[in-house]
Amino acid sequence: MVSRDEVRRIVLELIRTDEEFRLAVAGALGLDAILSELKALRQDFNAMLSRIVSIEEELKRHGQILEEHTRLLQEHSRILEVHSRILQEHTRLLQEHGKALRSKEGY
């Protein structure tokens, strides 16, 4: 009769050396379902990782666009400020000319 320890040794040796036996044991233990699920999870993870990379690239592009729009807005604000000062000066000059004309005409 073969001892329990001898059976264990033989089974472990077969698992290490016999691929067909190893796969049969894995299937009996339900490891094939676990491996299948792990493979599906890895695929899902890689898909999500790819999407994250895509979103990061899009976010970077939007950040660059935002920086450019901010720069343009600042430039336009400076131009608007200059034009506002010019308009104020012209308004003042028109008011002075209006006063001068009214005083010449006797108003």
N, C-alpha and C. Protein backbone atom coordinates (compact mmCIF):
# COMPACT_ATOMS: atom_id res chain seq x y z
N MET A 1 0.85 -1.18 0.00
CA MET A 1 0.00 0.00 0.00
C MET A 1 0.90 1.24 0.00
N VAL A 2 0.46 2.27 -0.76
CA VAL A 2 1.22 3.51 -0.91
C VAL A 2 0.79 4.45 0.22
N SER A 3 1.77 5.06 0.83
CA SER A 3 1.45 5.97 1.94
C SER A 3 0.88 7.29 1.42
N ARG A 4 0.25 7.98 2.29
CA ARG A 4 -0.35 9.28 1.97
C ARG A 4 0.72 10.26 1.51
N ASP A 5 1.84 10.25 2.19
CA ASP A 5 2.94 11.15 1.81
C ASP A 5 3.46 10.82 0.41
N GLU A 6 3.51 9.52 0.08
CA GLU A 6 3.97 9.12 -1.25
C GLU A 6 2.99 9.58 -2.32
N VAL A 7 1.69 9.49 -2.03
CA VAL A 7 0.66 9.97 -2.97
C VAL A 7 0.84 11.48 -3.18
N ARG A 8 1.03 12.19 -2.12
CA ARG A 8 1.24 13.65 -2.23
C ARG A 8 2.45 13.94 -3.10
N ARG A 9 3.53 13.26 -2.82
CA ARG A 9 4.76 13.49 -3.59
C ARG A 9 4.52 13.22 -5.07
N ILE A 10 3.82 12.14 -5.38
CA ILE A 10 3.55 11.77 -6.77
C ILE A 10 2.65 12.82 -7.43
N VAL A 11 1.59 13.23 -6.71
CA VAL A 11 0.66 14.24 -7.26
C VAL A 11 1.41 15.55 -7.52
N LEU A 12 2.21 16.00 -6.56
CA LEU A 12 2.96 17.25 -6.75
C LEU A 12 3.95 17.13 -7.90
N GLU A 13 4.58 15.99 -8.03
CA GLU A 13 5.51 15.77 -9.14
C GLU A 13 4.77 15.81 -10.47
N LEU A 14 3.60 15.18 -10.53
CA LEU A 14 2.80 15.21 -11.76
C LEU A 14 2.36 16.64 -12.09
N ILE A 15 1.98 17.40 -11.08
CA ILE A 15 1.57 18.80 -11.32
C ILE A 15 2.74 19.58 -11.91
N ARG A 16 3.94 19.33 -11.40
CA ARG A 16 5.11 20.06 -11.91
C ARG A 16 5.52 19.62 -13.30
N THR A 17 5.37 18.35 -13.62
CA THR A 17 5.96 17.83 -14.85
C THR A 17 4.97 17.50 -15.95
N ASP A 18 3.72 17.25 -15.62
CA ASP A 18 2.75 16.79 -16.61
C ASP A 18 1.71 17.89 -16.85
N GLU A 19 1.83 18.56 -17.99
CA GLU A 19 0.95 19.69 -18.28
C GLU A 19 -0.52 19.27 -18.36
N GLU A 20 -0.79 18.15 -18.99
CA GLU A 20 -2.18 17.68 -19.10
C GLU A 20 -2.78 17.41 -17.72
N PHE A 21 -1.99 16.78 -16.85
CA PHE A 21 -2.46 16.52 -15.49
C PHE A 21 -2.66 17.83 -14.73
N ARG A 22 -1.71 18.74 -14.90
CA ARG A 22 -1.79 20.06 -14.24
C ARG A 22 -3.07 20.79 -14.67
N LEU A 23 -3.38 20.77 -15.96
CA LEU A 23 -4.59 21.43 -16.45
C LEU A 23 -5.85 20.74 -15.94
N ALA A 24 -5.79 19.42 -15.84
CA ALA A 24 -6.94 18.68 -15.32
C ALA A 24 -7.19 19.03 -13.86
N VAL A 25 -6.12 19.13 -13.09
CA VAL A 25 -6.25 19.50 -11.67
C VAL A 25 -6.77 20.94 -11.57
N ALA A 26 -6.22 21.84 -12.37
CA ALA A 26 -6.66 23.24 -12.34
C ALA A 26 -8.14 23.33 -12.68
N GLY A 27 -8.59 22.56 -13.69
CA GLY A 27 -10.00 22.56 -14.07
C GLY A 27 -10.87 22.01 -12.94
N ALA A 28 -10.40 20.96 -12.29
CA ALA A 28 -11.17 20.36 -11.19
C ALA A 28 -11.30 21.33 -10.02
N LEU A 29 -10.28 22.17 -9.85
CA LEU A 29 -10.31 23.15 -8.76
C LEU A 29 -11.05 24.44 -9.15
N GLY A 30 -11.44 24.55 -10.41
CA GLY A 30 -12.14 25.75 -10.87
C GLY A 30 -11.18 26.88 -11.22
N LEU A 31 -9.90 26.57 -11.32
CA LEU A 31 -8.91 27.61 -11.63
C LEU A 31 -9.06 28.13 -13.05
N ASP A 32 -9.56 27.30 -13.96
CA ASP A 32 -9.74 27.78 -15.33
C ASP A 32 -10.75 28.92 -15.39
N ALA A 33 -11.79 28.83 -14.56
CA ALA A 33 -12.78 29.92 -14.51
C ALA A 33 -12.16 31.17 -13.91
N ILE A 34 -11.34 30.97 -12.89
CA ILE A 34 -10.66 32.12 -12.25
C ILE A 34 -9.70 32.76 -13.24
N LEU A 35 -8.93 31.93 -13.95
CA LEU A 35 -7.99 32.47 -14.94
C LEU A 35 -8.73 33.20 -16.06
N SER A 36 -9.85 32.65 -16.45
CA SER A 36 -10.67 33.30 -17.48
C SER A 36 -11.16 34.66 -17.00
N GLU A 37 -11.62 34.69 -15.76
CA GLU A 37 -12.10 35.95 -15.18
C GLU A 37 -10.96 36.96 -15.05
N LEU A 38 -9.78 36.49 -14.63
CA LEU A 38 -8.62 37.38 -14.54
C LEU A 38 -8.24 37.95 -15.90
N LYS A 39 -8.32 37.11 -16.92
CA LYS A 39 -8.02 37.57 -18.28
C LYS A 39 -9.02 38.66 -18.71
N ALA A 40 -10.30 38.43 -18.41
CA ALA A 40 -11.33 39.42 -18.76
C ALA A 40 -11.10 40.72 -17.98
N LEU A 41 -10.75 40.58 -16.70
CA LEU A 41 -10.46 41.78 -15.89
C LEU A 41 -9.25 42.53 -16.43
N ARG A 42 -8.23 41.81 -16.87
CA ARG A 42 -7.05 42.46 -17.43
C ARG A 42 -7.42 43.21 -18.70
N GLN A 43 -8.26 42.60 -19.53
CA GLN A 43 -8.70 43.28 -20.75
C GLN A 43 -9.50 44.54 -20.42
N ASP A 44 -10.40 44.43 -19.45
CA ASP A 44 -11.17 45.60 -19.02
C ASP A 44 -10.25 46.68 -18.48
N PHE A 45 -9.27 46.27 -17.67
CA PHE A 45 -8.32 47.22 -17.09
C PHE A 45 -7.54 47.92 -18.19
N ASN A 46 -7.05 47.15 -19.17
CA ASN A 46 -6.29 47.75 -20.27
C ASN A 46 -7.15 48.71 -21.08
N ALA A 47 -8.41 48.36 -21.27
CA ALA A 47 -9.32 49.26 -22.00
C ALA A 47 -9.52 50.55 -21.21
N MET A 48 -9.70 50.44 -19.90
CA MET A 48 -9.88 51.63 -19.07
C MET A 48 -8.60 52.47 -19.04
N LEU A 49 -7.46 51.80 -18.96
CA LEU A 49 -6.19 52.50 -18.97
C LEU A 49 -6.00 53.27 -20.27
N SER A 50 -6.37 52.63 -21.37
CA SER A 50 -6.29 53.29 -22.67
C SER A 50 -7.20 54.51 -22.70
N ARG A 51 -8.39 54.38 -22.14
CA ARG A 51 -9.34 55.51 -22.10
C ARG A 51 -8.79 56.64 -21.22
N ILE A 52 -8.17 56.27 -20.11
CA ILE A 52 -7.58 57.29 -19.22
C ILE A 52 -6.49 58.05 -19.94
N VAL A 53 -5.64 57.33 -20.67
CA VAL A 53 -4.58 57.99 -21.44
C VAL A 53 -5.18 58.93 -22.46
N SER A 54 -6.24 58.48 -23.13
CA SER A 54 -6.92 59.32 -24.12
C SER A 54 -7.50 60.57 -23.47
N ILE A 55 -8.12 60.40 -22.31
CA ILE A 55 -8.70 61.55 -21.59
C ILE A 55 -7.60 62.50 -21.14
N GLU A 56 -6.48 61.97 -20.68
CA GLU A 56 -5.36 62.82 -20.26
C GLU A 56 -4.85 63.65 -21.44
N GLU A 57 -4.75 63.02 -22.61
CA GLU A 57 -4.29 63.75 -23.80
C GLU A 57 -5.28 64.84 -24.17
N GLU A 58 -6.58 64.51 -24.09
CA GLU A 58 -7.62 65.50 -24.41
C GLU A 58 -7.59 66.64 -23.39
N LEU A 59 -7.41 66.31 -22.13
CA LEU A 59 -7.34 67.32 -21.08
C LEU A 59 -6.13 68.23 -21.28
N LYS A 60 -5.01 67.65 -21.66
CA LYS A 60 -3.81 68.45 -21.94
C LYS A 60 -4.07 69.40 -23.10
N ARG A 61 -4.72 68.89 -24.15
CA ARG A 61 -5.04 69.73 -25.32
C ARG A 61 -5.99 70.85 -24.92
N HIS A 62 -6.99 70.55 -24.11
CA HIS A 62 -7.92 71.59 -23.65
C HIS A 62 -7.21 72.61 -22.77
N GLY A 63 -6.26 72.13 -21.95
CA GLY A 63 -5.47 73.05 -21.13
C GLY A 63 -4.68 74.03 -21.99
N GLN A 64 -4.09 73.52 -23.07
CA GLN A 64 -3.34 74.38 -23.98
C GLN A 64 -4.26 75.39 -24.65
N ILE A 65 -5.43 74.94 -25.06
CA ILE A 65 -6.41 75.85 -25.68
C ILE A 65 -6.83 76.91 -24.67
N LEU A 66 -7.08 76.49 -23.43
CA LEU A 66 -7.48 77.44 -22.39
C LEU A 66 -6.38 78.47 -22.14
N GLU A 67 -5.13 78.02 -22.11
CA GLU A 67 -4.02 78.96 -21.93
C GLU A 67 -3.97 79.98 -23.07
N GLU A 68 -4.15 79.51 -24.29
CA GLU A 68 -4.14 80.40 -25.45
C GLU A 68 -5.31 81.39 -25.39
N HIS A 69 -6.49 80.90 -25.01
CA HIS A 69 -7.65 81.80 -24.90
C HIS A 69 -7.44 82.81 -23.78
N THR A 70 -6.83 82.39 -22.69
CA THR A 70 -6.55 83.31 -21.59
C THR A 70 -5.58 84.39 -22.05
N ARG A 71 -4.55 83.98 -22.79
CA ARG A 71 -3.58 84.94 -23.32
C ARG A 71 -4.27 85.94 -24.26
N LEU A 72 -5.13 85.43 -25.15
CA LEU A 72 -5.85 86.31 -26.08
C LEU A 72 -6.80 87.25 -25.33
N LEU A 73 -7.47 86.73 -24.31
CA LEU A 73 -8.38 87.56 -23.53
C LEU A 73 -7.61 88.69 -22.83
N GLN A 74 -6.46 88.36 -22.28
CA GLN A 74 -5.64 89.39 -21.62
C GLN A 74 -5.19 90.44 -22.63
N GLU A 75 -4.79 89.98 -23.82
CA GLU A 75 -4.36 90.91 -24.86
C GLU A 75 -5.53 91.80 -25.29
N HIS A 76 -6.68 91.23 -25.48
CA HIS A 76 -7.87 92.01 -25.87
C HIS A 76 -8.28 92.97 -24.75
N SER A 77 -8.12 92.55 -23.51
CA SER A 77 -8.44 93.44 -22.38
C SER A 77 -7.52 94.65 -22.38
N ARG A 78 -6.23 94.43 -22.66
CA ARG A 78 -5.30 95.56 -22.73
C ARG A 78 -5.68 96.51 -23.87
N ILE A 79 -6.02 95.93 -25.02
CA ILE A 79 -6.41 96.75 -26.17
C ILE A 79 -7.69 97.52 -25.85
N LEU A 80 -8.65 96.87 -25.22
CA LEU A 80 -9.90 97.52 -24.84
C LEU A 80 -9.62 98.67 -23.87
N GLU A 81 -8.70 98.47 -22.95
CA GLU A 81 -8.34 99.52 -21.99
C GLU A 81 -7.75 100.73 -22.73
N VAL A 82 -6.88 100.47 -23.69
CA VAL A 82 -6.30 101.57 -24.49
C VAL A 82 -7.40 102.29 -25.26
N HIS A 83 -8.27 101.53 -25.89
CA HIS A 83 -9.36 102.14 -26.67
C HIS A 83 -10.32 102.91 -25.76
N SER A 84 -10.54 102.41 -24.56
CA SER A 84 -11.40 103.14 -23.61
C SER A 84 -10.78 104.48 -23.25
N ARG A 85 -9.47 104.50 -23.02
CA ARG A 85 -8.80 105.78 -22.71
C ARG A 85 -8.88 106.74 -23.89
N ILE A 86 -8.68 106.20 -25.09
CA ILE A 86 -8.78 107.04 -26.30
C ILE A 86 -10.20 107.58 -26.43
N LEU A 87 -11.19 106.74 -26.21
CA LEU A 87 -12.59 107.17 -26.29
C LEU A 87 -12.89 108.24 -25.24
N GLN A 88 -12.39 108.06 -24.04
CA GLN A 88 -12.59 109.06 -23.00
C GLN A 88 -11.96 110.40 -23.40
N GLU A 89 -10.76 110.32 -23.97
CA GLU A 89 -10.09 111.55 -24.40
C GLU A 89 -10.87 112.21 -25.53
N HIS A 90 -11.34 111.43 -26.47
CA HIS A 90 -12.13 112.01 -27.58
C HIS A 90 -13.44 112.59 -27.06
N THR A 91 -14.06 111.92 -26.11
CA THR A 91 -15.29 112.43 -25.51
C THR A 91 -15.02 113.78 -24.84
N ARG A 92 -13.92 113.83 -24.10
CA ARG A 92 -13.54 115.09 -23.43
C ARG A 92 -13.31 116.19 -24.46
N LEU A 93 -12.59 115.85 -25.54
CA LEU A 93 -12.32 116.85 -26.58
C LEU A 93 -13.62 117.31 -27.25
N LEU A 94 -14.52 116.36 -27.52
CA LEU A 94 -15.80 116.74 -28.13
C LEU A 94 -16.59 117.65 -27.19
N GLN A 95 -16.57 117.35 -25.90
CA GLN A 95 -17.27 118.20 -24.94
C GLN A 95 -16.65 119.59 -24.92
N GLU A 96 -15.33 119.68 -24.95
CA GLU A 96 -14.67 121.00 -24.98
C GLU A 96 -15.03 121.75 -26.25
N HIS A 97 -15.02 121.06 -27.38
CA HIS A 97 -15.38 121.71 -28.64
C HIS A 97 -16.85 122.15 -28.62
N GLY A 98 -17.68 121.31 -28.04
CA GLY A 98 -19.10 121.66 -27.92
C GLY A 98 -19.28 122.91 -27.07
N LYS A 99 -18.55 123.00 -25.96
CA LYS A 99 -18.62 124.19 -25.09
C LYS A 99 -18.11 125.39 -25.85
N ALA A 100 -16.99 125.21 -26.57
CA ALA A 100 -16.42 126.34 -27.31
C ALA A 100 -17.39 126.83 -28.38
N LEU A 101 -18.02 125.91 -29.09
CA LEU A 101 -18.98 126.30 -30.12
C LEU A 101 -20.19 127.00 -29.50
N ARG A 102 -20.67 126.48 -28.39
CA ARG A 102 -21.83 127.10 -27.76
C ARG A 102 -21.49 128.51 -27.27
N SER A 103 -20.27 128.66 -26.74
CA SER A 103 -19.91 130.00 -26.23
C SER A 103 -19.73 130.97 -27.38
N LYS A 104 -19.27 130.52 -28.55
CA LYS A 104 -19.13 131.40 -29.71
C LYS A 104 -20.50 131.78 -30.27
N GLU A 105 -21.43 130.87 -30.19
CA GLU A 105 -22.75 131.11 -30.74
C GLU A 105 -23.66 131.79 -29.71
N GLY A 106 -23.18 131.90 -28.50
CA GLY A 106 -23.94 132.57 -27.48
C GLY A 106 -24.91 131.69 -26.73
N TYR A 107 -24.73 130.47 -26.67
CA TYR A 107 -25.63 129.55 -25.96
C TYR A 107 -25.27 129.48 -24.53
